[in-house]
Amino acid sequence: MNNDESPLADTEVHYLTSDMVNDEFKIFVGHCGTKGQHLVPVLYLTDANGYFGGAVDIVRSMQLGFHLPPLLIVGIGYRAGGIADITAPRTRDLTPTRDAGFARLFPGQDAMGGAGGLLQFVSRELKPWVAARYDVDRDNTTYFGHSFGGLFGIYMLLTAPAEFRRYIIGSPSLWWDRGAMFRYGAFSAGEVASSRIDGDHPMVVYLGVGANETHDGRMREVINMSAEERAISESRYIDMVADTVKMAEQLRQLDSMKTRVELEIFPDEFHITVPLLALSRGLRNVFDAPR
């Protein structure tokens, strides 16, 4: 790509059709310090329509001070505009179960529960495509996801934890389907324990959430929305801070995962203000950058 014609230098866009999901994905690729490098680590992220550009700029800024190694960033998105335009497919792909209550409140997002298919797309289609096209270390991978993307990250941790070496999970939507991941995690600990984890490179899990992602904070966050939108928020009691703390404690109890679990709660931040802050802090944490 000609950097003079692109607002984000050294980036690419590709379109992959998935047999696992039976749909097309828009794949964003960002080269961050990779020129002349071999076997570089890969940062995969969901919701690339919203977070890819910020992720590339954050990584490149941190690399100026050698806080991060060279990274190839691979974003999973859709043939659409920004994150506001992809609510239906992201609900379909990032959620592990069907939430009947959510379907009643948001009838236009009735396709859901496709996280298993997306995981197969990442594992069996996207990762091999990346490895065949770029000079990457296929075992040195990091995942970042926020909100539903964070929920998808928790789903992977509880079903296929060895899929990534590092997980940066922002504000996971653990309220989904009345806390389905807590019920699922309770009986999937054996699956987690039996998964192959590289003892030389134990997993690192970083969870970040805004301090204002409580029910009271959510009510302040929606103050400028329409009365109808405020009513929907008020009808659901969601405390994402409490849920994230609870999940961190649950993950720490799975000693056989050989995993370091870190949790950070950001003062004064709301659900929509915290994503890239969680990514920045998470990258520093999982790559042992200066802190």
C-alpha atoms as a PDB file:
ATOM      1  CA  MET A   1       0.000   0.000   0.000  1.00  0.00           C
ATOM      2  CA  ASN A   2       1.231   3.502  -0.868  1.00  0.00           C
ATOM      3  CA  ASN A   3       1.743   5.274   2.467  1.00  0.00           C
ATOM      4  CA  ASP A   4       1.164   8.658   0.833  1.00  0.00           C
ATOM      5  CA  GLU A   5      -2.398   7.595   0.011  1.00  0.00           C
ATOM      6  CA  SER A   6      -3.234   5.973   3.331  1.00  0.00           C
ATOM      7  CA  PRO A   7      -4.074   7.756   6.586  1.00  0.00           C
ATOM      8  CA  LEU A   8      -2.517   4.837   8.472  1.00  0.00           C
ATOM      9  CA  ALA A   9       0.902   3.923   7.098  1.00  0.00           C
ATOM     10  CA  ASP A  10       1.975   0.328   6.458  1.00  0.00           C
ATOM     11  CA  THR A  11      -1.469  -1.202   6.806  1.00  0.00           C
ATOM     12  CA  GLU A  12      -3.455  -3.553   4.594  1.00  0.00           C
ATOM     13  CA  VAL A  13      -7.039  -4.706   4.176  1.00  0.00           C
ATOM     14  CA  HIS A  14      -8.042  -8.176   3.006  1.00  0.00           C
ATOM     15  CA  TYR A  15     -11.333 -10.055   2.740  1.00  0.00           C
ATOM     16  CA  LEU A  16     -11.566 -13.684   3.841  1.00  0.00           C
ATOM     17  CA  THR A  17     -14.602 -15.894   3.407  1.00  0.00           C
ATOM     18  CA  SER A  18     -14.976 -18.324   6.285  1.00  0.00           C
ATOM     19  CA  ASP A  19     -16.380 -21.814   5.912  1.00  0.00           C
ATOM     20  CA  MET A  20     -16.614 -21.986   9.713  1.00  0.00           C
ATOM     21  CA  VAL A  21     -18.879 -18.936  10.013  1.00  0.00           C
ATOM     22  CA  ASN A  22     -20.319 -18.956   6.492  1.00  0.00           C
ATOM     23  CA  ASP A  23     -19.617 -15.274   6.092  1.00  0.00           C
ATOM     24  CA  GLU A  24     -16.941 -12.850   4.961  1.00  0.00           C
ATOM     25  CA  PHE A  25     -14.547 -11.037   7.301  1.00  0.00           C
ATOM     26  CA  LYS A  26     -12.626  -7.841   6.692  1.00  0.00           C
ATOM     27  CA  ILE A  27      -9.093  -8.456   7.938  1.00  0.00           C
ATOM     28  CA  PHE A  28      -7.032  -5.420   8.920  1.00  0.00           C
ATOM     29  CA  VAL A  29      -3.242  -5.902   9.011  1.00  0.00           C
ATOM     30  CA  GLY A  30      -0.814  -3.424  10.553  1.00  0.00           C
ATOM     31  CA  HIS A  31       2.973  -3.685  10.346  1.00  0.00           C
ATOM     32  CA  CYS A  32       4.456  -2.232  13.539  1.00  0.00           C
ATOM     33  CA  GLY A  33       8.246  -2.320  13.447  1.00  0.00           C
ATOM     34  CA  THR A  34       8.198  -5.556  11.433  1.00  0.00           C
ATOM     35  CA  LYS A  35      10.332  -4.439   8.468  1.00  0.00           C
ATOM     36  CA  GLY A  36      13.412  -6.657   8.237  1.00  0.00           C
ATOM     37  CA  GLN A  37      12.322  -8.681  11.266  1.00  0.00           C
ATOM     38  CA  HIS A  38      11.756 -12.438  11.369  1.00  0.00           C
ATOM     39  CA  LEU A  39       9.230 -14.490  13.300  1.00  0.00           C
ATOM     40  CA  VAL A  40       7.484 -11.505  14.835  1.00  0.00           C
ATOM     41  CA  PRO A  41       4.735 -11.875  17.480  1.00  0.00           C
ATOM     42  CA  VAL A  42       1.135 -11.279  16.427  1.00  0.00           C
ATOM     43  CA  LEU A  43      -1.539  -9.227  18.176  1.00  0.00           C
ATOM     44  CA  TYR A  44      -5.033 -10.326  17.150  1.00  0.00           C
ATOM     45  CA  LEU A  45      -8.026  -8.151  17.987  1.00  0.00           C
ATOM     46  CA  THR A  46     -11.756  -8.233  17.451  1.00  0.00           C
ATOM     47  CA  ASP A  47     -13.944  -5.222  16.651  1.00  0.00           C
ATOM     48  CA  ALA A  48     -11.288  -4.001  14.246  1.00  0.00           C
ATOM     49  CA  ASN A  49     -13.789  -1.595  12.671  1.00  0.00           C
ATOM     50  CA  GLY A  50     -13.512   0.406  15.887  1.00  0.00           C
ATOM     51  CA  TYR A  51     -10.156  -0.350  17.474  1.00  0.00           C
ATOM     52  CA  PHE A  52      -7.635  -1.225  14.765  1.00  0.00           C
ATOM     53  CA  GLY A  53      -6.408   2.312  14.069  1.00  0.00           C
ATOM     54  CA  GLY A  54      -6.008   3.141  17.750  1.00  0.00           C
ATOM     55  CA  ALA A  55      -4.214  -0.141  18.380  1.00  0.00           C
ATOM     56  CA  VAL A  56      -1.696   0.507  15.606  1.00  0.00           C
ATOM     57  CA  ASP A  57      -0.943   4.022  16.854  1.00  0.00           C
ATOM     58  CA  ILE A  58      -0.644   2.886  20.486  1.00  0.00           C
ATOM     59  CA  VAL A  59       1.775   0.093  19.603  1.00  0.00           C
ATOM     60  CA  ARG A  60       3.926   2.305  17.387  1.00  0.00           C
ATOM     61  CA  SER A  61       4.074   5.011  20.050  1.00  0.00           C
ATOM     62  CA  MET A  62       5.203   2.519  22.668  1.00  0.00           C
ATOM     63  CA  GLN A  63       7.790   1.115  20.294  1.00  0.00           C
ATOM     64  CA  LEU A  64       9.447   4.545  20.104  1.00  0.00           C
ATOM     65  CA  GLY A  65      10.677   3.904  23.641  1.00  0.00           C
ATOM     66  CA  PHE A  66      11.321   0.195  22.986  1.00  0.00           C
ATOM     67  CA  HIS A  67       8.529  -0.765  25.367  1.00  0.00           C
ATOM     68  CA  LEU A  68       7.189  -3.327  22.898  1.00  0.00           C
ATOM     69  CA  PRO A  69       8.795  -5.731  20.409  1.00  0.00           C
ATOM     70  CA  PRO A  70       7.970  -5.636  16.698  1.00  0.00           C
ATOM     71  CA  LEU A  71       4.338  -6.717  16.264  1.00  0.00           C
ATOM     72  CA  LEU A  72       2.062  -7.656  13.413  1.00  0.00           C
ATOM     73  CA  ILE A  73      -1.467  -6.514  14.263  1.00  0.00           C
ATOM     74  CA  VAL A  74      -4.317  -8.532  12.754  1.00  0.00           C
ATOM     75  CA  GLY A  75      -7.810  -7.143  13.245  1.00  0.00           C
ATOM     76  CA  ILE A  76     -11.031  -9.067  12.661  1.00  0.00           C
ATOM     77  CA  GLY A  77     -13.783  -6.890  11.249  1.00  0.00           C
ATOM     78  CA  TYR A  78     -16.559  -6.649   8.697  1.00  0.00           C
ATOM     79  CA  ARG A  79     -17.243  -4.967   5.367  1.00  0.00           C
ATOM     80  CA  ALA A  80     -18.852  -1.916   6.965  1.00  0.00           C
ATOM     81  CA  GLY A  81     -17.948   1.453   8.435  1.00  0.00           C
ATOM     82  CA  GLY A  82     -17.214   2.028  12.110  1.00  0.00           C
ATOM     83  CA  ILE A  83     -18.110   0.024  15.188  1.00  0.00           C
ATOM     84  CA  ALA A  84     -21.633   1.468  15.291  1.00  0.00           C
ATOM     85  CA  ASP A  85     -22.323  -0.196  11.937  1.00  0.00           C
ATOM     86  CA  ILE A  86     -21.438  -3.752  12.969  1.00  0.00           C
ATOM     87  CA  THR A  87     -23.716  -4.391  15.938  1.00  0.00           C
ATOM     88  CA  ALA A  88     -25.525  -7.330  14.326  1.00  0.00           C
ATOM     89  CA  PRO A  89     -22.537  -9.412  13.125  1.00  0.00           C
ATOM     90  CA  ARG A  90     -20.493  -8.762  16.264  1.00  0.00           C
ATOM     91  CA  THR A  91     -23.427  -9.893  18.421  1.00  0.00           C
ATOM     92  CA  ARG A  92     -23.656 -13.028  16.298  1.00  0.00           C
ATOM     93  CA  ASP A  93     -19.943 -13.886  16.415  1.00  0.00           C
ATOM     94  CA  LEU A  94     -18.710 -12.740  19.831  1.00  0.00           C
ATOM     95  CA  THR A  95     -21.417 -14.238  22.062  1.00  0.00           C
ATOM     96  CA  PRO A  96     -21.186 -17.875  23.259  1.00  0.00           C
ATOM     97  CA  THR A  97     -24.891 -18.525  23.863  1.00  0.00           C
ATOM     98  CA  ARG A  98     -28.302 -17.126  23.095  1.00  0.00           C
ATOM     99  CA  ASP A  99     -29.584 -14.457  25.504  1.00  0.00           C
ATOM    100  CA  ALA A 100     -33.373 -14.360  25.264  1.00  0.00           C
ATOM    101  CA  GLY A 101     -33.637 -11.157  27.291  1.00  0.00           C
ATOM    102  CA  PHE A 102     -31.172  -9.361  25.030  1.00  0.00           C
ATOM    103  CA  ALA A 103     -33.069 -10.570  21.962  1.00  0.00           C
ATOM    104  CA  ARG A 104     -36.287  -9.048  23.308  1.00  0.00           C
ATOM    105  CA  LEU A 105     -34.635  -5.682  23.954  1.00  0.00           C
ATOM    106  CA  PHE A 106     -32.739  -5.576  20.655  1.00  0.00           C
ATOM    107  CA  PRO A 107     -34.834  -7.438  18.063  1.00  0.00           C
ATOM    108  CA  GLY A 108     -32.506  -6.428  15.239  1.00  0.00           C
ATOM    109  CA  GLN A 109     -29.697  -8.456  16.813  1.00  0.00           C
ATOM    110  CA  ASP A 110     -31.431 -11.816  17.082  1.00  0.00           C
ATOM    111  CA  ALA A 111     -28.488 -13.778  15.614  1.00  0.00           C
ATOM    112  CA  MET A 112     -26.224 -14.738  18.503  1.00  0.00           C
ATOM    113  CA  GLY A 113     -24.290 -17.596  20.071  1.00  0.00           C
ATOM    114  CA  GLY A 114     -21.696 -17.911  17.295  1.00  0.00           C
ATOM    115  CA  ALA A 115     -18.523 -17.701  19.390  1.00  0.00           C
ATOM    116  CA  GLY A 116     -17.722 -21.354  18.681  1.00  0.00           C
ATOM    117  CA  GLY A 117     -17.732 -20.698  14.960  1.00  0.00           C
ATOM    118  CA  LEU A 118     -15.578 -17.602  15.307  1.00  0.00           C
ATOM    119  CA  LEU A 119     -13.071 -19.528  17.413  1.00  0.00           C
ATOM    120  CA  GLN A 120     -12.837 -22.136  14.656  1.00  0.00           C
ATOM    121  CA  PHE A 121     -12.356 -19.374  12.092  1.00  0.00           C
ATOM    122  CA  VAL A 122      -9.485 -17.890  14.115  1.00  0.00           C
ATOM    123  CA  SER A 123      -7.824 -21.235  14.806  1.00  0.00           C
ATOM    124  CA  ARG A 124      -8.341 -23.109  11.533  1.00  0.00           C
ATOM    125  CA  GLU A 125      -8.589 -20.374   8.906  1.00  0.00           C
ATOM    126  CA  LEU A 126      -7.220 -16.988   9.995  1.00  0.00           C
ATOM    127  CA  LYS A 127      -4.080 -18.090  11.826  1.00  0.00           C
ATOM    128  CA  PRO A 128      -2.927 -20.395   8.992  1.00  0.00           C
ATOM    129  CA  TRP A 129      -3.623 -17.601   6.495  1.00  0.00           C
ATOM    130  CA  VAL A 130      -1.485 -15.187   8.535  1.00  0.00           C
ATOM    131  CA  ALA A 131       1.332 -17.742   8.946  1.00  0.00           C
ATOM    132  CA  ALA A 132       1.403 -18.450   5.203  1.00  0.00           C
ATOM    133  CA  ARG A 133       1.495 -14.788   4.236  1.00  0.00           C
ATOM    134  CA  TYR A 134       3.725 -13.149   6.880  1.00  0.00           C
ATOM    135  CA  ASP A 135       6.957 -14.024   8.690  1.00  0.00           C
ATOM    136  CA  VAL A 136       5.429 -14.530  12.142  1.00  0.00           C
ATOM    137  CA  ASP A 137       5.971 -16.678  15.191  1.00  0.00           C
ATOM    138  CA  ARG A 138       2.691 -18.583  15.129  1.00  0.00           C
ATOM    139  CA  ASP A 139       3.086 -19.619  18.782  1.00  0.00           C
ATOM    140  CA  ASN A 140       3.742 -16.083  20.039  1.00  0.00           C
ATOM    141  CA  THR A 141       0.265 -14.598  19.930  1.00  0.00           C
ATOM    142  CA  THR A 142      -1.763 -12.100  21.951  1.00  0.00           C
ATOM    143  CA  TYR A 143      -5.515 -11.479  21.898  1.00  0.00           C
ATOM    144  CA  PHE A 144      -7.302  -8.213  22.677  1.00  0.00           C
ATOM    145  CA  GLY A 145     -11.049  -7.800  22.910  1.00  0.00           C
ATOM    146  CA  HIS A 146     -13.344  -5.305  24.621  1.00  0.00           C
ATOM    147  CA  SER A 147     -16.979  -5.670  25.739  1.00  0.00           C
ATOM    148  CA  PHE A 148     -18.414  -8.507  23.613  1.00  0.00           C
ATOM    149  CA  GLY A 149     -14.822  -8.994  22.461  1.00  0.00           C
ATOM    150  CA  GLY A 150     -13.862  -9.418  26.114  1.00  0.00           C
ATOM    151  CA  LEU A 151     -16.674 -11.942  26.526  1.00  0.00           C
ATOM    152  CA  PHE A 152     -15.255 -13.839  23.552  1.00  0.00           C
ATOM    153  CA  GLY A 153     -11.825 -13.757  25.205  1.00  0.00           C
ATOM    154  CA  ILE A 154     -13.244 -15.310  28.373  1.00  0.00           C
ATOM    155  CA  TYR A 155     -14.997 -17.931  26.256  1.00  0.00           C
ATOM    156  CA  MET A 156     -11.670 -18.876  24.678  1.00  0.00           C
ATOM    157  CA  LEU A 157      -9.982 -19.035  28.068  1.00  0.00           C
ATOM    158  CA  LEU A 158     -12.609 -21.497  29.277  1.00  0.00           C
ATOM    159  CA  THR A 159     -12.704 -23.643  26.144  1.00  0.00           C
ATOM    160  CA  ALA A 160      -9.361 -23.362  24.317  1.00  0.00           C
ATOM    161  CA  PRO A 161      -6.971 -21.467  26.604  1.00  0.00           C
ATOM    162  CA  ALA A 162      -3.846 -22.420  24.668  1.00  0.00           C
ATOM    163  CA  GLU A 163      -5.155 -20.629  21.569  1.00  0.00           C
ATOM    164  CA  PHE A 164      -3.210 -17.527  22.677  1.00  0.00           C
ATOM    165  CA  ARG A 165      -0.213 -16.995  24.928  1.00  0.00           C
ATOM    166  CA  ARG A 166      -1.456 -13.637  26.194  1.00  0.00           C
ATOM    167  CA  TYR A 167      -4.968 -12.316  26.703  1.00  0.00           C
ATOM    168  CA  ILE A 168      -5.872  -8.635  27.144  1.00  0.00           C
ATOM    169  CA  ILE A 169      -9.537  -8.542  28.081  1.00  0.00           C
ATOM    170  CA  GLY A 170     -11.314  -5.224  28.442  1.00  0.00           C
ATOM    171  CA  SER A 171     -14.667  -4.868  30.212  1.00  0.00           C
ATOM    172  CA  PRO A 172     -15.965  -8.348  29.382  1.00  0.00           C
ATOM    173  CA  SER A 173     -19.757  -8.532  29.018  1.00  0.00           C
ATOM    174  CA  LEU A 174     -20.079 -11.238  31.644  1.00  0.00           C
ATOM    175  CA  TRP A 175     -23.703 -10.247  32.274  1.00  0.00           C
ATOM    176  CA  TRP A 176     -24.526 -12.041  29.012  1.00  0.00           C
ATOM    177  CA  ASP A 177     -27.187 -14.753  29.322  1.00  0.00           C
ATOM    178  CA  ARG A 178     -27.488 -14.215  33.096  1.00  0.00           C
ATOM    179  CA  GLY A 179     -23.782 -14.827  33.692  1.00  0.00           C
ATOM    180  CA  ALA A 180     -23.434 -17.870  31.451  1.00  0.00           C
ATOM    181  CA  MET A 181     -19.635 -17.800  31.588  1.00  0.00           C
ATOM    182  CA  PHE A 182     -19.648 -18.209  35.361  1.00  0.00           C
ATOM    183  CA  ARG A 183     -21.883 -21.256  35.078  1.00  0.00           C
ATOM    184  CA  TYR A 184     -19.857 -22.599  32.203  1.00  0.00           C
ATOM    185  CA  GLY A 185     -16.535 -21.987  33.919  1.00  0.00           C
ATOM    186  CA  ALA A 186     -17.636 -23.923  36.969  1.00  0.00           C
ATOM    187  CA  PHE A 187     -17.770 -27.174  35.061  1.00  0.00           C
ATOM    188  CA  SER A 188     -15.151 -26.504  32.396  1.00  0.00           C
ATOM    189  CA  ALA A 189     -12.202 -26.240  34.794  1.00  0.00           C
ATOM    190  CA  GLY A 190     -11.286 -29.814  33.892  1.00  0.00           C
ATOM    191  CA  GLU A 191     -11.171 -28.876  30.221  1.00  0.00           C
ATOM    192  CA  VAL A 192      -8.916 -25.947  31.007  1.00  0.00           C
ATOM    193  CA  ALA A 193      -6.624 -28.142  33.082  1.00  0.00           C
ATOM    194  CA  SER A 194      -6.323 -30.724  30.320  1.00  0.00           C
ATOM    195  CA  SER A 195      -5.411 -28.195  27.636  1.00  0.00           C
ATOM    196  CA  ARG A 196      -1.784 -28.161  26.591  1.00  0.00           C
ATOM    197  CA  ILE A 197      -0.055 -25.142  28.095  1.00  0.00           C
ATOM    198  CA  ASP A 198       3.604 -24.534  27.243  1.00  0.00           C
ATOM    199  CA  GLY A 199       5.391 -24.658  30.591  1.00  0.00           C
ATOM    200  CA  ASP A 200       8.235 -22.479  29.266  1.00  0.00           C
ATOM    201  CA  HIS A 201       5.753 -19.777  28.278  1.00  0.00           C
ATOM    202  CA  PRO A 202       2.860 -19.749  30.745  1.00  0.00           C
ATOM    203  CA  MET A 203      -0.169 -17.685  29.788  1.00  0.00           C
ATOM    204  CA  VAL A 204      -0.724 -14.153  30.977  1.00  0.00           C
ATOM    205  CA  VAL A 205      -4.258 -12.835  31.363  1.00  0.00           C
ATOM    206  CA  TYR A 206      -4.858  -9.121  31.874  1.00  0.00           C
ATOM    207  CA  LEU A 207      -8.322  -7.816  32.689  1.00  0.00           C
ATOM    208  CA  GLY A 208      -9.154  -4.104  32.673  1.00  0.00           C
ATOM    209  CA  VAL A 209     -12.433  -2.383  33.487  1.00  0.00           C
ATOM    210  CA  GLY A 210     -13.556   1.195  34.121  1.00  0.00           C
ATOM    211  CA  ALA A 211     -14.525   2.090  37.683  1.00  0.00           C
ATOM    212  CA  ASN A 212     -17.724   3.692  36.333  1.00  0.00           C
ATOM    213  CA  GLU A 213     -18.912   0.450  34.761  1.00  0.00           C
ATOM    214  CA  THR A 214     -21.155  -0.188  37.749  1.00  0.00           C
ATOM    215  CA  HIS A 215     -24.930   0.178  37.523  1.00  0.00           C
ATOM    216  CA  ASP A 216     -24.759   3.722  38.935  1.00  0.00           C
ATOM    217  CA  GLY A 217     -21.974   4.644  36.550  1.00  0.00           C
ATOM    218  CA  ARG A 218     -23.928   3.272  33.598  1.00  0.00           C
ATOM    219  CA  MET A 219     -26.875   5.464  34.538  1.00  0.00           C
ATOM    220  CA  ARG A 220     -24.604   8.529  34.426  1.00  0.00           C
ATOM    221  CA  GLU A 221     -23.091   7.401  31.147  1.00  0.00           C
ATOM    222  CA  VAL A 222     -26.420   7.352  29.301  1.00  0.00           C
ATOM    223  CA  ILE A 223     -27.589  10.790  30.470  1.00  0.00           C
ATOM    224  CA  ASN A 224     -27.382  12.259  26.941  1.00  0.00           C
ATOM    225  CA  MET A 225     -29.188   9.386  25.260  1.00  0.00           C
ATOM    226  CA  SER A 226     -32.822   9.409  24.215  1.00  0.00           C
ATOM    227  CA  ALA A 227     -35.480   8.546  26.786  1.00  0.00           C
ATOM    228  CA  GLU A 228     -36.056   5.202  25.060  1.00  0.00           C
ATOM    229  CA  GLU A 229     -32.373   4.292  25.161  1.00  0.00           C
ATOM    230  CA  ARG A 230     -32.095   5.350  28.799  1.00  0.00           C
ATOM    231  CA  ALA A 231     -35.097   3.206  29.663  1.00  0.00           C
ATOM    232  CA  ILE A 232     -33.426   0.129  28.163  1.00  0.00           C
ATOM    233  CA  SER A 233     -30.282   0.730  30.234  1.00  0.00           C
ATOM    234  CA  GLU A 234     -32.291   1.347  33.392  1.00  0.00           C
ATOM    235  CA  SER A 235     -34.219  -1.886  32.896  1.00  0.00           C
ATOM    236  CA  ARG A 236     -31.087  -3.998  33.284  1.00  0.00           C
ATOM    237  CA  TYR A 237     -28.936  -4.120  36.421  1.00  0.00           C
ATOM    238  CA  ILE A 238     -25.368  -4.645  35.234  1.00  0.00           C
ATOM    239  CA  ASP A 239     -22.225  -4.253  37.348  1.00  0.00           C
ATOM    240  CA  MET A 240     -19.298  -5.013  35.074  1.00  0.00           C
ATOM    241  CA  VAL A 241     -16.768  -4.119  37.760  1.00  0.00           C
ATOM    242  CA  ALA A 242     -18.107  -6.749  40.155  1.00  0.00           C
ATOM    243  CA  ASP A 243     -18.357  -9.291  37.335  1.00  0.00           C
ATOM    244  CA  THR A 244     -14.775  -8.700  36.184  1.00  0.00           C
ATOM    245  CA  VAL A 245     -13.423  -8.964  39.731  1.00  0.00           C
ATOM    246  CA  LYS A 246     -15.348 -12.209  40.193  1.00  0.00           C
ATOM    247  CA  MET A 247     -13.993 -13.670  36.936  1.00  0.00           C
ATOM    248  CA  ALA A 248     -10.425 -12.713  37.842  1.00  0.00           C
ATOM    249  CA  GLU A 249     -10.801 -14.570  41.125  1.00  0.00           C
ATOM    250  CA  GLN A 250     -12.252 -17.593  39.324  1.00  0.00           C
ATOM    251  CA  LEU A 251      -9.391 -17.706  36.824  1.00  0.00           C
ATOM    252  CA  ARG A 252      -6.817 -17.440  39.607  1.00  0.00           C
ATOM    253  CA  GLN A 253      -8.298 -20.541  41.228  1.00  0.00           C
ATOM    254  CA  LEU A 254      -7.485 -22.628  38.157  1.00  0.00           C
ATOM    255  CA  ASP A 255      -3.914 -23.267  39.282  1.00  0.00           C
ATOM    256  CA  SER A 256      -3.357 -25.917  36.646  1.00  0.00           C
ATOM    257  CA  MET A 257      -3.543 -23.231  33.965  1.00  0.00           C
ATOM    258  CA  LYS A 258      -0.067 -22.026  34.993  1.00  0.00           C
ATOM    259  CA  THR A 259      -1.384 -18.558  34.337  1.00  0.00           C
ATOM    260  CA  ARG A 260      -0.664 -15.104  35.728  1.00  0.00           C
ATOM    261  CA  VAL A 261      -3.913 -13.174  36.070  1.00  0.00           C
ATOM    262  CA  GLU A 262      -3.775  -9.396  36.501  1.00  0.00           C
ATOM    263  CA  LEU A 263      -6.721  -7.059  37.111  1.00  0.00           C
ATOM    264  CA  GLU A 264      -6.846  -3.279  36.845  1.00  0.00           C
ATOM    265  CA  ILE A 265      -9.787  -0.961  37.571  1.00  0.00           C
ATOM    266  CA  PHE A 266      -9.443   2.463  35.964  1.00  0.00           C
ATOM    267  CA  PRO A 267     -10.735   5.446  37.987  1.00  0.00           C
ATOM    268  CA  ASP A 268     -13.282   7.752  36.320  1.00  0.00           C
ATOM    269  CA  GLU A 269     -13.608   5.627  33.158  1.00  0.00           C
ATOM    270  CA  PHE A 270     -16.838   4.463  31.520  1.00  0.00           C
ATOM    271  CA  HIS A 271     -17.471   1.514  29.221  1.00  0.00           C
ATOM    272  CA  ILE A 272     -16.967   3.582  26.067  1.00  0.00           C
ATOM    273  CA  THR A 273     -13.965   5.567  27.318  1.00  0.00           C
ATOM    274  CA  VAL A 274     -11.814   2.694  28.552  1.00  0.00           C
ATOM    275  CA  PRO A 275     -11.101   0.302  25.601  1.00  0.00           C
ATOM    276  CA  LEU A 276      -7.824   1.708  24.284  1.00  0.00           C
ATOM    277  CA  LEU A 277      -6.643   2.557  27.794  1.00  0.00           C
ATOM    278  CA  ALA A 278      -7.107  -1.103  28.711  1.00  0.00           C
ATOM    279  CA  LEU A 279      -5.194  -2.114  25.588  1.00  0.00           C
ATOM    280  CA  SER A 280      -2.285   0.229  26.351  1.00  0.00           C
ATOM    281  CA  ARG A 281      -2.014  -0.866  29.970  1.00  0.00           C
ATOM    282  CA  GLY A 282      -2.581  -4.468  29.008  1.00  0.00           C
ATOM    283  CA  LEU A 283       0.239  -4.440  26.459  1.00  0.00           C
ATOM    284  CA  ARG A 284       2.603  -3.028  29.067  1.00  0.00           C
ATOM    285  CA  ASN A 285       1.576  -5.776  31.433  1.00  0.00           C
ATOM    286  CA  VAL A 286       1.678  -8.842  29.219  1.00  0.00           C
ATOM    287  CA  PHE A 287       4.938  -7.836  27.510  1.00  0.00           C
ATOM    288  CA  ASP A 288       6.634  -6.811  30.780  1.00  0.00           C
ATOM    289  CA  ALA A 289       7.191  -3.255  29.567  1.00  0.00           C
ATOM    290  CA  PRO A 290       8.395  -0.555  31.982  1.00  0.00           C
ATOM    291  CA  ARG A 291       5.778   0.182  34.670  1.00  0.00           C
END
